[in-house]
Amino acid sequence: PFHFVAFAKSKDGSLSTLGYVHYYIDGEDALCGGLVIDNRN
């Protein structure tokens, strides 16, 4: 249910995706996973 994306805005106004992470809520806990960075961007 929880997805987070990091973007960079260039000088021309275009957006590039730089990274992603998600969380699954399990009771009182959030499980963090899928952290990935787009080194090319």
PDB file of all heavy atoms in Angstrom:
ATOM      1  N   PRO A   1       0.779  -1.251   0.000  1.00  0.00           N
ATOM      2  CA  PRO A   1       0.000   0.000   0.000  1.00  0.00           C
ATOM      3  C   PRO A   1       0.804   1.291   0.000  1.00  0.00           C
ATOM      4  O   PRO A   1       0.254   2.333  -0.318  1.00  0.00           O
ATOM      5  CB  PRO A   1      -0.813  -0.107   1.288  1.00  0.00           C
ATOM      6  CG  PRO A   1      -0.021  -1.010   2.170  1.00  0.00           C
ATOM      7  CD  PRO A   1       0.682  -1.972   1.259  1.00  0.00           C
ATOM      8  N   PHE A   2       2.067   1.262   0.327  1.00  0.00           N
ATOM      9  CA  PHE A   2       2.834   2.506   0.396  1.00  0.00           C
ATOM     10  C   PHE A   2       3.995   2.454  -0.597  1.00  0.00           C
ATOM     11  O   PHE A   2       4.927   1.671  -0.440  1.00  0.00           O
ATOM     12  CB  PHE A   2       3.374   2.751   1.817  1.00  0.00           C
ATOM     13  CG  PHE A   2       2.297   3.030   2.818  1.00  0.00           C
ATOM     14  CD1 PHE A   2       1.789   2.016   3.607  1.00  0.00           C
ATOM     15  CD2 PHE A   2       1.775   4.308   2.956  1.00  0.00           C
ATOM     16  CE1 PHE A   2       0.788   2.268   4.525  1.00  0.00           C
ATOM     17  CE2 PHE A   2       0.770   4.573   3.870  1.00  0.00           C
ATOM     18  CZ  PHE A   2       0.277   3.548   4.656  1.00  0.00           C
ATOM     19  N   HIS A   3       3.923   3.315  -1.613  1.00  0.00           N
ATOM     20  CA  HIS A   3       4.956   3.406  -2.647  1.00  0.00           C
ATOM     21  C   HIS A   3       5.504   4.829  -2.657  1.00  0.00           C
ATOM     22  O   HIS A   3       4.734   5.784  -2.692  1.00  0.00           O
ATOM     23  CB  HIS A   3       4.368   3.138  -4.039  1.00  0.00           C
ATOM     24  CG  HIS A   3       3.710   1.817  -4.191  1.00  0.00           C
ATOM     25  ND1 HIS A   3       4.384   0.689  -4.568  1.00  0.00           N
ATOM     26  CD2 HIS A   3       2.419   1.449  -4.017  1.00  0.00           C
ATOM     27  CE1 HIS A   3       3.541  -0.323  -4.636  1.00  0.00           C
ATOM     28  NE2 HIS A   3       2.353   0.104  -4.295  1.00  0.00           N
ATOM     29  N   PHE A   4       6.837   4.957  -2.680  1.00  0.00           N
ATOM     30  CA  PHE A   4       7.471   6.264  -2.711  1.00  0.00           C
ATOM     31  C   PHE A   4       8.463   6.317  -3.869  1.00  0.00           C
ATOM     32  O   PHE A   4       9.245   5.380  -4.068  1.00  0.00           O
ATOM     33  CB  PHE A   4       8.200   6.558  -1.401  1.00  0.00           C
ATOM     34  CG  PHE A   4       7.261   6.645  -0.231  1.00  0.00           C
ATOM     35  CD1 PHE A   4       6.938   5.514   0.494  1.00  0.00           C
ATOM     36  CD2 PHE A   4       6.678   7.853   0.105  1.00  0.00           C
ATOM     37  CE1 PHE A   4       6.057   5.580   1.563  1.00  0.00           C
ATOM     38  CE2 PHE A   4       5.791   7.934   1.172  1.00  0.00           C
ATOM     39  CZ  PHE A   4       5.477   6.798   1.895  1.00  0.00           C
ATOM     40  N   VAL A   5       8.427   7.407  -4.609  1.00  0.00           N
ATOM     41  CA  VAL A   5       9.288   7.583  -5.771  1.00  0.00           C
ATOM     42  C   VAL A   5      10.048   8.899  -5.613  1.00  0.00           C
ATOM     43  O   VAL A   5       9.470   9.923  -5.229  1.00  0.00           O
ATOM     44  CB  VAL A   5       8.463   7.597  -7.078  1.00  0.00           C
ATOM     45  CG1 VAL A   5       9.371   7.760  -8.288  1.00  0.00           C
ATOM     46  CG2 VAL A   5       7.619   6.328  -7.205  1.00  0.00           C
ATOM     47  N   ALA A   6      11.347   8.856  -5.912  1.00  0.00           N
ATOM     48  CA  ALA A   6      12.176  10.068  -5.904  1.00  0.00           C
ATOM     49  C   ALA A   6      12.356  10.527  -7.344  1.00  0.00           C
ATOM     50  O   ALA A   6      12.684   9.732  -8.223  1.00  0.00           O
ATOM     51  CB  ALA A   6      13.539   9.774  -5.283  1.00  0.00           C
ATOM     52  N   PHE A   7      12.106  11.816  -7.559  1.00  0.00           N
ATOM     53  CA  PHE A   7      12.242  12.425  -8.880  1.00  0.00           C
ATOM     54  C   PHE A   7      13.242  13.571  -8.814  1.00  0.00           C
ATOM     55  O   PHE A   7      13.382  14.220  -7.787  1.00  0.00           O
ATOM     56  CB  PHE A   7      10.907  13.046  -9.335  1.00  0.00           C
ATOM     57  CG  PHE A   7       9.842  12.070  -9.651  1.00  0.00           C
ATOM     58  CD1 PHE A   7       8.847  11.789  -8.731  1.00  0.00           C
ATOM     59  CD2 PHE A   7       9.800  11.434 -10.883  1.00  0.00           C
ATOM     60  CE1 PHE A   7       7.843  10.894  -9.025  1.00  0.00           C
ATOM     61  CE2 PHE A   7       8.806  10.537 -11.187  1.00  0.00           C
ATOM     62  CZ  PHE A   7       7.820  10.263 -10.263  1.00  0.00           C
ATOM     63  N   ALA A   8      13.864  13.826  -9.942  1.00  0.00           N
ATOM     64  CA  ALA A   8      14.684  15.027 -10.091  1.00  0.00           C
ATOM     65  C   ALA A   8      14.075  15.847 -11.212  1.00  0.00           C
ATOM     66  O   ALA A   8      13.615  15.312 -12.216  1.00  0.00           O
ATOM     67  CB  ALA A   8      16.117  14.661 -10.440  1.00  0.00           C
ATOM     68  N   LYS A   9      14.061  17.138 -11.014  1.00  0.00           N
ATOM     69  CA  LYS A   9      13.558  18.058 -12.037  1.00  0.00           C
ATOM     70  C   LYS A   9      14.752  18.761 -12.664  1.00  0.00           C
ATOM     71  O   LYS A   9      15.539  19.400 -11.978  1.00  0.00           O
ATOM     72  CB  LYS A   9      12.618  19.077 -11.403  1.00  0.00           C
ATOM     73  CG  LYS A   9      11.950  19.978 -12.406  1.00  0.00           C
ATOM     74  CD  LYS A   9      10.942  20.875 -11.711  1.00  0.00           C
ATOM     75  CE  LYS A   9      10.232  21.752 -12.701  1.00  0.00           C
ATOM     76  NZ  LYS A   9       9.249  22.624 -12.050  1.00  0.00           N
ATOM     77  N   SER A  10      14.867  18.607 -13.970  1.00  0.00           N
ATOM     78  CA  SER A  10      15.989  19.242 -14.664  1.00  0.00           C
ATOM     79  C   SER A  10      15.658  20.694 -14.981  1.00  0.00           C
ATOM     80  O   SER A  10      14.521  21.139 -14.818  1.00  0.00           O
ATOM     81  CB  SER A  10      16.330  18.474 -15.937  1.00  0.00           C
ATOM     82  OG  SER A  10      15.253  18.549 -16.837  1.00  0.00           O
ATOM     83  N   LYS A  11      16.635  21.419 -15.464  1.00  0.00           N
ATOM     84  CA  LYS A  11      16.454  22.835 -15.769  1.00  0.00           C
ATOM     85  C   LYS A  11      15.397  23.079 -16.833  1.00  0.00           C
ATOM     86  O   LYS A  11      14.745  24.109 -16.839  1.00  0.00           O
ATOM     87  CB  LYS A  11      17.786  23.452 -16.183  1.00  0.00           C
ATOM     88  CG  LYS A  11      18.753  23.538 -15.029  1.00  0.00           C
ATOM     89  CD  LYS A  11      20.079  24.117 -15.430  1.00  0.00           C
ATOM     90  CE  LYS A  11      20.994  24.097 -14.217  1.00  0.00           C
ATOM     91  NZ  LYS A  11      22.309  24.546 -14.519  1.00  0.00           N
ATOM     92  N   ASP A  12      15.198  22.107 -17.732  1.00  0.00           N
ATOM     93  CA  ASP A  12      14.174  22.276 -18.770  1.00  0.00           C
ATOM     94  C   ASP A  12      12.770  21.883 -18.286  1.00  0.00           C
ATOM     95  O   ASP A  12      11.814  21.940 -19.034  1.00  0.00           O
ATOM     96  CB  ASP A  12      14.542  21.488 -20.033  1.00  0.00           C
ATOM     97  CG  ASP A  12      14.478  19.977 -19.855  1.00  0.00           C
ATOM     98  OD1 ASP A  12      14.080  19.486 -18.769  1.00  0.00           O
ATOM     99  OD2 ASP A  12      14.847  19.264 -20.820  1.00  0.00           O
ATOM    100  N   GLY A  13      12.680  21.479 -17.006  1.00  0.00           N
ATOM    101  CA  GLY A  13      11.381  21.142 -16.427  1.00  0.00           C
ATOM    102  C   GLY A  13      11.003  19.680 -16.517  1.00  0.00           C
ATOM    103  O   GLY A  13      10.001  19.270 -15.938  1.00  0.00           O
ATOM    104  N   SER A  14      11.779  18.881 -17.214  1.00  0.00           N
ATOM    105  CA  SER A  14      11.463  17.452 -17.323  1.00  0.00           C
ATOM    106  C   SER A  14      11.803  16.729 -16.018  1.00  0.00           C
ATOM    107  O   SER A  14      12.666  17.168 -15.256  1.00  0.00           O
ATOM    108  CB  SER A  14      12.212  16.827 -18.499  1.00  0.00           C
ATOM    109  OG  SER A  14      13.599  16.899 -18.289  1.00  0.00           O
ATOM    110  N   LEU A  15      11.107  15.629 -15.781  1.00  0.00           N
ATOM    111  CA  LEU A  15      11.321  14.839 -14.571  1.00  0.00           C
ATOM    112  C   LEU A  15      12.032  13.538 -14.907  1.00  0.00           C
ATOM    113  O   LEU A  15      11.730  12.903 -15.916  1.00  0.00           O
ATOM    114  CB  LEU A  15       9.989  14.510 -13.902  1.00  0.00           C
ATOM    115  CG  LEU A  15       9.180  15.685 -13.375  1.00  0.00           C
ATOM    116  CD1 LEU A  15       7.851  15.202 -12.810  1.00  0.00           C
ATOM    117  CD2 LEU A  15       9.963  16.423 -12.298  1.00  0.00           C
ATOM    118  N   SER A  16      12.945  13.141 -14.041  1.00  0.00           N
ATOM    119  CA  SER A  16      13.634  11.858 -14.146  1.00  0.00           C
ATOM    120  C   SER A  16      13.418  11.091 -12.855  1.00  0.00           C
ATOM    121  O   SER A  16      13.566  11.644 -11.765  1.00  0.00           O
ATOM    122  CB  SER A  16      15.137  12.052 -14.331  1.00  0.00           C
ATOM    123  OG  SER A  16      15.424  12.715 -15.523  1.00  0.00           O
ATOM    124  N   THR A  17      13.087   9.826 -12.979  1.00  0.00           N
ATOM    125  CA  THR A  17      12.924   8.975 -11.809  1.00  0.00           C
ATOM    126  C   THR A  17      14.301   8.587 -11.287  1.00  0.00           C
ATOM    127  O   THR A  17      15.127   8.069 -12.035  1.00  0.00           O
ATOM    128  CB  THR A  17      12.131   7.709 -12.174  1.00  0.00           C
ATOM    129  OG1 THR A  17      10.890   8.099 -12.739  1.00  0.00           O
ATOM    130  CG2 THR A  17      11.899   6.841 -10.966  1.00  0.00           C
ATOM    131  N   LEU A  18      14.542   8.826 -10.005  1.00  0.00           N
ATOM    132  CA  LEU A  18      15.834   8.496  -9.412  1.00  0.00           C
ATOM    133  C   LEU A  18      15.785   7.292  -8.494  1.00  0.00           C
ATOM    134  O   LEU A  18      16.806   6.643  -8.279  1.00  0.00           O
ATOM    135  CB  LEU A  18      16.383   9.687  -8.625  1.00  0.00           C
ATOM    136  CG  LEU A  18      16.741  10.927  -9.424  1.00  0.00           C
ATOM    137  CD1 LEU A  18      17.333  11.986  -8.509  1.00  0.00           C
ATOM    138  CD2 LEU A  18      17.690  10.594 -10.551  1.00  0.00           C
ATOM    139  N   GLY A  19      14.618   6.986  -7.915  1.00  0.00           N
ATOM    140  CA  GLY A  19      14.578   5.860  -6.994  1.00  0.00           C
ATOM    141  C   GLY A  19      13.176   5.504  -6.563  1.00  0.00           C
ATOM    142  O   GLY A  19      12.209   6.221  -6.827  1.00  0.00           O
ATOM    143  N   TYR A  20      13.103   4.359  -5.883  1.00  0.00           N
ATOM    144  CA  TYR A  20      11.819   3.809  -5.445  1.00  0.00           C
ATOM    145  C   TYR A  20      12.022   2.995  -4.175  1.00  0.00           C
ATOM    146  O   TYR A  20      13.067   2.354  -3.989  1.00  0.00           O
ATOM    147  CB  TYR A  20      11.251   2.908  -6.540  1.00  0.00           C
ATOM    148  CG  TYR A  20      10.085   2.055  -6.103  1.00  0.00           C
ATOM    149  CD1 TYR A  20       8.822   2.618  -5.929  1.00  0.00           C
ATOM    150  CD2 TYR A  20      10.238   0.694  -5.871  1.00  0.00           C
ATOM    151  CE1 TYR A  20       7.747   1.837  -5.527  1.00  0.00           C
ATOM    152  CE2 TYR A  20       9.163  -0.091  -5.474  1.00  0.00           C
ATOM    153  CZ  TYR A  20       7.931   0.491  -5.303  1.00  0.00           C
ATOM    154  OH  TYR A  20       6.866  -0.274  -4.894  1.00  0.00           O
ATOM    155  N   VAL A  21      11.017   2.998  -3.307  1.00  0.00           N
ATOM    156  CA  VAL A  21      10.946   2.114  -2.147  1.00  0.00           C
ATOM    157  C   VAL A  21       9.475   1.889  -1.815  1.00  0.00           C
ATOM    158  O   VAL A  21       8.633   2.759  -2.078  1.00  0.00           O
ATOM    159  CB  VAL A  21      11.714   2.689  -0.926  1.00  0.00           C
ATOM    160  CG1 VAL A  21      11.040   3.939  -0.368  1.00  0.00           C
ATOM    161  CG2 VAL A  21      11.913   1.632   0.155  1.00  0.00           C
ATOM    162  N   HIS A  22       9.165   0.715  -1.262  1.00  0.00           N
ATOM    163  CA  HIS A  22       7.786   0.446  -0.854  1.00  0.00           C
ATOM    164  C   HIS A  22       7.765  -0.132   0.560  1.00  0.00           C
ATOM    165  O   HIS A  22       8.781  -0.603   1.074  1.00  0.00           O
ATOM    166  CB  HIS A  22       7.072  -0.492  -1.838  1.00  0.00           C
ATOM    167  CG  HIS A  22       7.593  -1.892  -1.815  1.00  0.00           C
ATOM    168  ND1 HIS A  22       8.582  -2.320  -2.650  1.00  0.00           N
ATOM    169  CD2 HIS A  22       7.267  -2.955  -1.055  1.00  0.00           C
ATOM    170  CE1 HIS A  22       8.841  -3.588  -2.419  1.00  0.00           C
ATOM    171  NE2 HIS A  22       8.069  -4.005  -1.439  1.00  0.00           N
ATOM    172  N   TYR A  23       6.575  -0.079   1.165  1.00  0.00           N
ATOM    173  CA  TYR A  23       6.368  -0.587   2.517  1.00  0.00           C
ATOM    174  C   TYR A  23       5.078  -1.388   2.556  1.00  0.00           C
ATOM    175  O   TYR A  23       4.069  -0.991   1.978  1.00  0.00           O
ATOM    176  CB  TYR A  23       6.240   0.571   3.525  1.00  0.00           C
ATOM    177  CG  TYR A  23       7.475   1.421   3.618  1.00  0.00           C
ATOM    178  CD1 TYR A  23       7.657   2.486   2.741  1.00  0.00           C
ATOM    179  CD2 TYR A  23       8.455   1.159   4.563  1.00  0.00           C
ATOM    180  CE1 TYR A  23       8.793   3.271   2.816  1.00  0.00           C
ATOM    181  CE2 TYR A  23       9.597   1.950   4.633  1.00  0.00           C
ATOM    182  CZ  TYR A  23       9.753   3.004   3.753  1.00  0.00           C
ATOM    183  OH  TYR A  23      10.874   3.780   3.822  1.00  0.00           O
ATOM    184  N   TYR A  24       5.142  -2.482   3.294  1.00  0.00           N
ATOM    185  CA  TYR A  24       3.966  -3.299   3.574  1.00  0.00           C
ATOM    186  C   TYR A  24       3.700  -3.184   5.062  1.00  0.00           C
ATOM    187  O   TYR A  24       4.610  -3.369   5.883  1.00  0.00           O
ATOM    188  CB  TYR A  24       4.237  -4.760   3.183  1.00  0.00           C
ATOM    189  CG  TYR A  24       3.144  -5.689   3.595  1.00  0.00           C
ATOM    190  CD1 TYR A  24       1.950  -5.744   2.890  1.00  0.00           C
ATOM    191  CD2 TYR A  24       3.303  -6.518   4.704  1.00  0.00           C
ATOM    192  CE1 TYR A  24       0.931  -6.593   3.278  1.00  0.00           C
ATOM    193  CE2 TYR A  24       2.284  -7.366   5.094  1.00  0.00           C
ATOM    194  CZ  TYR A  24       1.108  -7.402   4.376  1.00  0.00           C
ATOM    195  OH  TYR A  24       0.100  -8.244   4.767  1.00  0.00           O
ATOM    196  N   ILE A  25       2.475  -2.844   5.418  1.00  0.00           N
ATOM    197  CA  ILE A  25       2.125  -2.727   6.827  1.00  0.00           C
ATOM    198  C   ILE A  25       1.662  -4.097   7.324  1.00  0.00           C
ATOM    199  O   ILE A  25       0.742  -4.697   6.771  1.00  0.00           O
ATOM    200  CB  ILE A  25       1.019  -1.676   7.056  1.00  0.00           C
ATOM    201  CG1 ILE A  25       1.448  -0.315   6.490  1.00  0.00           C
ATOM    202  CG2 ILE A  25       0.658  -1.575   8.539  1.00  0.00           C
ATOM    203  CD1 ILE A  25       2.690   0.274   7.108  1.00  0.00           C
ATOM    204  N   ASP A  26       2.325  -4.585   8.363  1.00  0.00           N
ATOM    205  CA  ASP A  26       2.015  -5.878   8.973  1.00  0.00           C
ATOM    206  C   ASP A  26       1.742  -5.625  10.452  1.00  0.00           C
ATOM    207  O   ASP A  26       2.672  -5.558  11.254  1.00  0.00           O
ATOM    208  CB  ASP A  26       3.180  -6.836   8.772  1.00  0.00           C
ATOM    209  CG  ASP A  26       2.883  -8.233   9.299  1.00  0.00           C
ATOM    210  OD1 ASP A  26       1.711  -8.634   9.293  1.00  0.00           O
ATOM    211  OD2 ASP A  26       3.839  -8.918   9.719  1.00  0.00           O
ATOM    212  N   GLY A  27       0.467  -5.437  10.779  1.00  0.00           N
ATOM    213  CA  GLY A  27       0.108  -5.120  12.164  1.00  0.00           C
ATOM    214  C   GLY A  27       0.645  -3.768  12.560  1.00  0.00           C
ATOM    215  O   GLY A  27       0.312  -2.746  11.970  1.00  0.00           O
ATOM    216  N   GLU A  28       1.551  -3.775  13.542  1.00  0.00           N
ATOM    217  CA  GLU A  28       2.139  -2.532  14.063  1.00  0.00           C
ATOM    218  C   GLU A  28       3.471  -2.193  13.400  1.00  0.00           C
ATOM    219  O   GLU A  28       4.180  -1.308  13.854  1.00  0.00           O
ATOM    220  CB  GLU A  28       2.402  -2.671  15.562  1.00  0.00           C
ATOM    221  CG  GLU A  28       1.205  -3.022  16.395  1.00  0.00           C
ATOM    222  CD  GLU A  28       1.603  -3.312  17.835  1.00  0.00           C
ATOM    223  OE1 GLU A  28       2.397  -4.252  18.053  1.00  0.00           O
ATOM    224  OE2 GLU A  28       1.118  -2.586  18.728  1.00  0.00           O
ATOM    225  N   ASP A  29       3.802  -2.912  12.355  1.00  0.00           N
ATOM    226  CA  ASP A  29       5.117  -2.770  11.748  1.00  0.00           C
ATOM    227  C   ASP A  29       5.017  -2.455  10.266  1.00  0.00           C
ATOM    228  O   ASP A  29       4.078  -2.871   9.593  1.00  0.00           O
ATOM    229  CB  ASP A  29       5.912  -4.070  11.922  1.00  0.00           C
ATOM    230  CG  ASP A  29       6.140  -4.405  13.378  1.00  0.00           C
ATOM    231  OD1 ASP A  29       6.816  -3.604  14.054  1.00  0.00           O
ATOM    232  OD2 ASP A  29       5.646  -5.448  13.850  1.00  0.00           O
ATOM    233  N   ALA A  30       6.024  -1.746   9.760  1.00  0.00           N
ATOM    234  CA  ALA A  30       6.145  -1.484   8.322  1.00  0.00           C
ATOM    235  C   ALA A  30       7.376  -2.229   7.828  1.00  0.00           C
ATOM    236  O   ALA A  30       8.475  -2.069   8.373  1.00  0.00           O
ATOM    237  CB  ALA A  30       6.288   0.013   8.059  1.00  0.00           C
ATOM    238  N   LEU A  31       7.176  -3.053   6.814  1.00  0.00           N
ATOM    239  CA  LEU A  31       8.281  -3.792   6.211  1.00  0.00           C
ATOM    240  C   LEU A  31       8.735  -3.031   4.977  1.00  0.00           C
ATOM    241  O   LEU A  31       7.963  -2.827   4.043  1.00  0.00           O
ATOM    242  CB  LEU A  31       7.838  -5.206   5.834  1.00  0.00           C
ATOM    243  CG  LEU A  31       7.180  -6.031   6.947  1.00  0.00           C
ATOM    244  CD1 LEU A  31       6.800  -7.405   6.428  1.00  0.00           C
ATOM    245  CD2 LEU A  31       8.086  -6.134   8.160  1.00  0.00           C
ATOM    246  N   CYS A  32       9.970  -2.598   4.990  1.00  0.00           N
ATOM    247  CA  CYS A  32      10.546  -1.790   3.918  1.00  0.00           C
ATOM    248  C   CYS A  32      11.195  -2.717   2.909  1.00  0.00           C
ATOM    249  O   CYS A  32      11.943  -3.623   3.270  1.00  0.00           O
ATOM    250  CB  CYS A  32      11.591  -0.853   4.520  1.00  0.00           C
ATOM    251  SG  CYS A  32      12.501   0.142   3.345  1.00  0.00           S
ATOM    252  N   GLY A  33      10.926  -2.474   1.632  1.00  0.00           N
ATOM    253  CA  GLY A  33      11.528  -3.325   0.614  1.00  0.00           C
ATOM    254  C   GLY A  33      11.631  -2.635  -0.724  1.00  0.00           C
ATOM    255  O   GLY A  33      11.090  -1.560  -0.946  1.00  0.00           O
ATOM    256  N   GLY A  34      12.327  -3.296  -1.609  1.00  0.00           N
ATOM    257  CA  GLY A  34      12.394  -2.843  -2.990  1.00  0.00           C
ATOM    258  C   GLY A  34      13.128  -1.549  -3.219  1.00  0.00           C
ATOM    259  O   GLY A  34      12.913  -0.886  -4.227  1.00  0.00           O
ATOM    260  N   LEU A  35      14.014  -1.169  -2.313  1.00  0.00           N
ATOM    261  CA  LEU A  35      14.759   0.073  -2.503  1.00  0.00           C
ATOM    262  C   LEU A  35      15.654  -0.069  -3.720  1.00  0.00           C
ATOM    263  O   LEU A  35      16.478  -0.979  -3.808  1.00  0.00           O
ATOM    264  CB  LEU A  35      15.601   0.386  -1.266  1.00  0.00           C
ATOM    265  CG  LEU A  35      16.467   1.636  -1.338  1.00  0.00           C
ATOM    266  CD1 LEU A  35      15.616   2.896  -1.480  1.00  0.00           C
ATOM    267  CD2 LEU A  35      17.352   1.733  -0.113  1.00  0.00           C
ATOM    268  N   VAL A  36      15.458   0.813  -4.679  1.00  0.00           N
ATOM    269  CA  VAL A  36      16.240   0.760  -5.908  1.00  0.00           C
ATOM    270  C   VAL A  36      16.495   2.182  -6.395  1.00  0.00           C
ATOM    271  O   VAL A  36      15.638   3.051  -6.292  1.00  0.00           O
ATOM    272  CB  VAL A  36      15.523  -0.096  -6.987  1.00  0.00           C
ATOM    273  CG1 VAL A  36      14.187   0.464  -7.360  1.00  0.00           C
ATOM    274  CG2 VAL A  36      16.386  -0.291  -8.210  1.00  0.00           C
ATOM    275  N   ILE A  37      17.714   2.393  -6.891  1.00  0.00           N
ATOM    276  CA  ILE A  37      18.127   3.704  -7.389  1.00  0.00           C
ATOM    277  C   ILE A  37      18.445   3.560  -8.877  1.00  0.00           C
ATOM    278  O   ILE A  37      19.080   2.594  -9.287  1.00  0.00           O
ATOM    279  CB  ILE A  37      19.372   4.218  -6.632  1.00  0.00           C
ATOM    280  CG1 ILE A  37      19.124   4.240  -5.117  1.00  0.00           C
ATOM    281  CG2 ILE A  37      19.811   5.578  -7.151  1.00  0.00           C
ATOM    282  CD1 ILE A  37      17.915   5.034  -4.674  1.00  0.00           C
ATOM    283  N   ASP A  38      18.024   4.547  -9.670  1.00  0.00           N
ATOM    284  CA  ASP A  38      18.325   4.538 -11.098  1.00  0.00           C
ATOM    285  C   ASP A  38      19.598   5.352 -11.331  1.00  0.00           C
ATOM    286  O   ASP A  38      19.553   6.576 -11.481  1.00  0.00           O
ATOM    287  CB  ASP A  38      17.162   5.112 -11.905  1.00  0.00           C
ATOM    288  CG  ASP A  38      17.306   4.839 -13.387  1.00  0.00           C
ATOM    289  OD1 ASP A  38      18.462   4.763 -13.870  1.00  0.00           O
ATOM    290  OD2 ASP A  38      16.280   4.710 -14.060  1.00  0.00           O
ATOM    291  N   ASN A  39      20.722   4.664 -11.311  1.00  0.00           N
ATOM    292  CA  ASN A  39      22.021   5.331 -11.466  1.00  0.00           C
ATOM    293  C   ASN A  39      22.169   5.999 -12.829  1.00  0.00           C
ATOM    294  O   ASN A  39      22.867   7.003 -12.959  1.00  0.00           O
ATOM    295  CB  ASN A  39      23.158   4.337 -11.233  1.00  0.00           C
ATOM    296  CG  ASN A  39      23.215   3.882  -9.797  1.00  0.00           C
ATOM    297  OD1 ASN A  39      22.945   4.664  -8.891  1.00  0.00           O
ATOM    298  ND2 ASN A  39      23.538   2.621  -9.584  1.00  0.00           N
ATOM    299  N   ARG A  40      21.498   5.448 -13.841  1.00  0.00           N
ATOM    300  CA  ARG A  40      21.596   6.053 -15.178  1.00  0.00           C
ATOM    301  C   ARG A  40      20.995   7.454 -15.160  1.00  0.00           C
ATOM    302  O   ARG A  40      21.596   8.397 -15.679  1.00  0.00           O
ATOM    303  CB  ARG A  40      20.872   5.178 -16.207  1.00  0.00           C
ATOM    304  CG  ARG A  40      21.503   3.813 -16.389  1.00  0.00           C
ATOM    305  CD  ARG A  40      20.688   2.947 -17.300  1.00  0.00           C
ATOM    306  NE  ARG A  40      19.315   2.868 -16.786  1.00  0.00           N
ATOM    307  CZ  ARG A  40      18.316   2.265 -17.395  1.00  0.00           C
ATOM    308  NH1 ARG A  40      18.494   1.695 -18.562  1.00  0.00           N
ATOM    309  NH2 ARG A  40      17.118   2.216 -16.860  1.00  0.00           N
ATOM    310  N   ASN A  41      19.817   7.612 -14.565  1.00  0.00           N
ATOM    311  CA  ASN A  41      19.203   8.943 -14.485  1.00  0.00           C
ATOM    312  C   ASN A  41      19.966   9.865 -13.543  1.00  0.00           C
ATOM    313  O   ASN A  41      20.070  11.066 -13.791  1.00  0.00           O
ATOM    314  CB  ASN A  41      17.738   8.840 -14.060  1.00  0.00           C
ATOM    315  CG  ASN A  41      16.852   8.366 -15.185  1.00  0.00           C
ATOM    316  OD1 ASN A  41      17.217   8.425 -16.357  1.00  0.00           O
ATOM    317  ND2 ASN A  41      15.675   7.879 -14.848  1.00  0.00           N
TER     318      ASN A  41
END
